[in-house]
Amino acid sequence: MDGQKRNEIHSGLTVKIVLKQDQRTGKLTTGIVKDILTNSPTHPHGIKVRLTDGQVGRVKEIVK
């Protein structure tokens, strides 16, 4: 799962996101979803979320 569909993401899910400042390098940050910030059902760059620690980024991978 690549994190482009909003219905695959929910609070409490462990995901890997790319933060705004890491978009050039593609460095991923792992965390737990607190809020979903993207309103549209899909997004080509990943659904934007806020993690429990307050970091905001786009989901690149859903951790199983």
N, C-alpha and C. Protein backbone atom coordinates (compact mmCIF):
# COMPACT_ATOMS: atom_id res chain seq x y z
N MET A 1 0.85 -1.19 0.00
CA MET A 1 0.00 0.00 0.00
C MET A 1 0.88 1.24 0.00
N ASP A 2 0.56 2.16 -0.89
CA ASP A 2 1.44 3.31 -1.10
C ASP A 2 0.96 4.61 -0.48
N GLY A 3 -0.18 4.60 0.22
CA GLY A 3 -0.61 5.79 0.92
C GLY A 3 -1.27 6.85 0.07
N GLN A 4 -1.72 6.50 -1.15
CA GLN A 4 -2.36 7.49 -2.02
C GLN A 4 -3.88 7.49 -1.88
N LYS A 5 -4.44 6.51 -1.19
CA LYS A 5 -5.89 6.44 -1.01
C LYS A 5 -6.25 6.73 0.44
N ARG A 6 -7.13 7.70 0.62
CA ARG A 6 -7.50 8.16 1.96
C ARG A 6 -8.20 7.05 2.77
N ASN A 7 -8.98 6.20 2.09
CA ASN A 7 -9.74 5.18 2.81
C ASN A 7 -8.85 4.05 3.37
N GLU A 8 -7.57 4.01 2.99
CA GLU A 8 -6.65 3.00 3.53
C GLU A 8 -5.95 3.48 4.80
N ILE A 9 -6.16 4.74 5.16
CA ILE A 9 -5.43 5.35 6.26
C ILE A 9 -6.41 5.73 7.38
N HIS A 10 -6.03 5.46 8.63
CA HIS A 10 -6.88 5.82 9.76
C HIS A 10 -6.00 6.08 10.98
N SER A 11 -6.57 6.71 11.99
CA SER A 11 -5.84 7.02 13.23
C SER A 11 -5.34 5.73 13.86
N GLY A 12 -4.13 5.78 14.38
CA GLY A 12 -3.54 4.62 15.05
C GLY A 12 -2.72 3.75 14.12
N LEU A 13 -2.76 4.02 12.82
CA LEU A 13 -2.02 3.23 11.84
C LEU A 13 -0.56 3.66 11.83
N THR A 14 0.37 2.70 11.75
CA THR A 14 1.79 3.01 11.63
C THR A 14 2.13 3.21 10.17
N VAL A 15 2.75 4.35 9.86
CA VAL A 15 3.06 4.70 8.47
C VAL A 15 4.47 5.27 8.37
N LYS A 16 4.97 5.32 7.14
CA LYS A 16 6.21 6.04 6.85
C LYS A 16 5.83 7.23 6.00
N ILE A 17 6.24 8.43 6.45
CA ILE A 17 5.91 9.66 5.73
C ILE A 17 7.19 10.36 5.29
N VAL A 18 7.04 11.25 4.30
CA VAL A 18 8.13 12.13 3.92
C VAL A 18 7.74 13.53 4.39
N LEU A 19 8.60 14.13 5.20
CA LEU A 19 8.37 15.48 5.71
C LEU A 19 8.69 16.50 4.61
N LYS A 20 8.14 17.70 4.71
CA LYS A 20 8.35 18.74 3.70
C LYS A 20 9.84 18.97 3.46
N GLN A 21 10.62 19.08 4.53
CA GLN A 21 12.05 19.37 4.38
C GLN A 21 12.84 18.18 3.85
N ASP A 22 12.24 16.99 3.84
CA ASP A 22 12.93 15.79 3.36
C ASP A 22 12.48 15.37 1.96
N GLN A 23 11.65 16.19 1.29
CA GLN A 23 11.14 15.79 -0.02
C GLN A 23 12.24 15.64 -1.06
N ARG A 24 13.29 16.45 -0.99
CA ARG A 24 14.38 16.34 -1.97
C ARG A 24 15.17 15.05 -1.79
N THR A 25 15.42 14.68 -0.53
CA THR A 25 16.21 13.49 -0.26
C THR A 25 15.36 12.22 -0.25
N GLY A 26 14.08 12.36 0.04
CA GLY A 26 13.20 11.20 0.11
C GLY A 26 13.31 10.44 1.43
N LYS A 27 13.95 11.07 2.44
CA LYS A 27 14.09 10.43 3.75
C LYS A 27 12.72 10.21 4.37
N LEU A 28 12.48 8.98 4.86
CA LEU A 28 11.18 8.64 5.44
C LEU A 28 11.24 8.68 6.96
N THR A 29 10.13 9.10 7.56
CA THR A 29 9.97 9.15 9.00
C THR A 29 8.82 8.21 9.38
N THR A 30 9.05 7.35 10.34
CA THR A 30 8.02 6.40 10.77
C THR A 30 7.28 6.96 11.98
N GLY A 31 5.97 6.78 11.99
CA GLY A 31 5.17 7.24 13.12
C GLY A 31 3.76 6.71 13.06
N ILE A 32 2.96 7.13 14.02
CA ILE A 32 1.58 6.69 14.14
C ILE A 32 0.65 7.86 13.77
N VAL A 33 -0.32 7.60 12.91
CA VAL A 33 -1.24 8.63 12.43
C VAL A 33 -2.13 9.12 13.57
N LYS A 34 -2.19 10.46 13.70
CA LYS A 34 -3.12 11.08 14.65
C LYS A 34 -4.31 11.68 13.89
N ASP A 35 -4.02 12.48 12.86
CA ASP A 35 -5.06 13.14 12.07
C ASP A 35 -4.76 12.98 10.59
N ILE A 36 -5.82 12.89 9.77
CA ILE A 36 -5.69 12.91 8.32
C ILE A 36 -6.00 14.33 7.86
N LEU A 37 -5.08 14.95 7.14
CA LEU A 37 -5.23 16.35 6.75
C LEU A 37 -5.73 16.53 5.32
N THR A 38 -5.58 15.52 4.46
CA THR A 38 -6.05 15.61 3.08
C THR A 38 -7.54 15.27 3.04
N ASN A 39 -8.34 16.11 2.39
CA ASN A 39 -9.78 15.89 2.29
C ASN A 39 -10.18 15.06 1.08
N SER A 40 -9.39 15.13 0.00
CA SER A 40 -9.76 14.39 -1.22
C SER A 40 -9.54 12.89 -1.03
N PRO A 41 -10.28 12.04 -1.76
CA PRO A 41 -10.17 10.59 -1.57
C PRO A 41 -8.83 10.01 -1.99
N THR A 42 -8.15 10.67 -2.93
CA THR A 42 -6.81 10.22 -3.35
C THR A 42 -5.90 11.43 -3.54
N HIS A 43 -4.59 11.17 -3.53
CA HIS A 43 -3.62 12.22 -3.82
C HIS A 43 -2.39 11.56 -4.43
N PRO A 44 -1.90 12.07 -5.58
CA PRO A 44 -0.79 11.40 -6.27
C PRO A 44 0.53 11.38 -5.49
N HIS A 45 0.72 12.32 -4.57
CA HIS A 45 1.97 12.36 -3.79
C HIS A 45 1.81 11.75 -2.40
N GLY A 46 0.63 11.23 -2.10
CA GLY A 46 0.38 10.63 -0.79
C GLY A 46 -0.55 11.50 0.03
N ILE A 47 -1.31 10.86 0.90
CA ILE A 47 -2.25 11.57 1.78
C ILE A 47 -1.46 12.27 2.88
N LYS A 48 -1.79 13.53 3.13
CA LYS A 48 -1.09 14.29 4.17
C LYS A 48 -1.68 13.97 5.53
N VAL A 49 -0.81 13.65 6.49
CA VAL A 49 -1.24 13.28 7.84
C VAL A 49 -0.41 14.00 8.89
N ARG A 50 -0.97 14.05 10.12
CA ARG A 50 -0.22 14.52 11.29
C ARG A 50 0.02 13.30 12.16
N LEU A 51 1.27 13.12 12.58
CA LEU A 51 1.62 12.00 13.45
C LEU A 51 1.34 12.36 14.90
N THR A 52 1.37 11.37 15.78
CA THR A 52 1.11 11.60 17.21
C THR A 52 2.14 12.54 17.82
N ASP A 53 3.36 12.62 17.24
CA ASP A 53 4.38 13.53 17.77
C ASP A 53 4.31 14.92 17.16
N GLY A 54 3.30 15.17 16.30
CA GLY A 54 3.08 16.50 15.74
C GLY A 54 3.67 16.74 14.37
N GLN A 55 4.48 15.83 13.87
CA GLN A 55 5.09 16.00 12.55
C GLN A 55 4.04 15.80 11.46
N VAL A 56 4.17 16.59 10.38
CA VAL A 56 3.22 16.54 9.27
C VAL A 56 3.96 16.16 7.99
N GLY A 57 3.38 15.23 7.25
CA GLY A 57 3.98 14.83 5.99
C GLY A 57 3.03 13.98 5.18
N ARG A 58 3.51 13.55 4.01
CA ARG A 58 2.70 12.73 3.12
C ARG A 58 3.06 11.26 3.25
N VAL A 59 2.04 10.41 3.34
CA VAL A 59 2.24 8.97 3.52
C VAL A 59 2.87 8.38 2.24
N LYS A 60 3.99 7.69 2.42
CA LYS A 60 4.65 7.00 1.31
C LYS A 60 4.50 5.50 1.43
N GLU A 61 4.28 5.01 2.66
CA GLU A 61 4.20 3.58 2.85
C GLU A 61 3.40 3.30 4.13
N ILE A 62 2.57 2.27 4.07
CA ILE A 62 1.83 1.82 5.25
C ILE A 62 2.55 0.61 5.80
N VAL A 63 2.94 0.68 7.09
CA VAL A 63 3.69 -0.40 7.73
C VAL A 63 2.70 -1.44 8.24
N LYS A 64 2.97 -2.70 7.92
CA LYS A 64 2.09 -3.79 8.36
C LYS A 64 2.51 -4.28 9.73
